[in-house]
Amino acid sequence: MEEQEHLLKELRALERQQRRQRQDIFDVEDEIEAKRDQLIEALEKRLKQKTIIHPLFKIRWVLG
């Protein structure tokens, strides 16, 4: 009887640990998803950037 009680306590402790670890996994997955969304947003901003070209100077060559 005593051994069974000890095993049940150990089982409950392991189940609590498992639930905590699952929650930790969910938290990390949420962090990864948030970072992914940030990266996608940054990439979309870079793709929407417009490039404007202004000539700074002209070079004229004379061969003779």
Foldseek 3Di string as FASTA:
>chain_A
DVVVVVVVVVVVVVVVVVVVVVVVVVVVVVVVVVVVVVVVVVVVVVVPDDDDDDDPDDDDDDDD
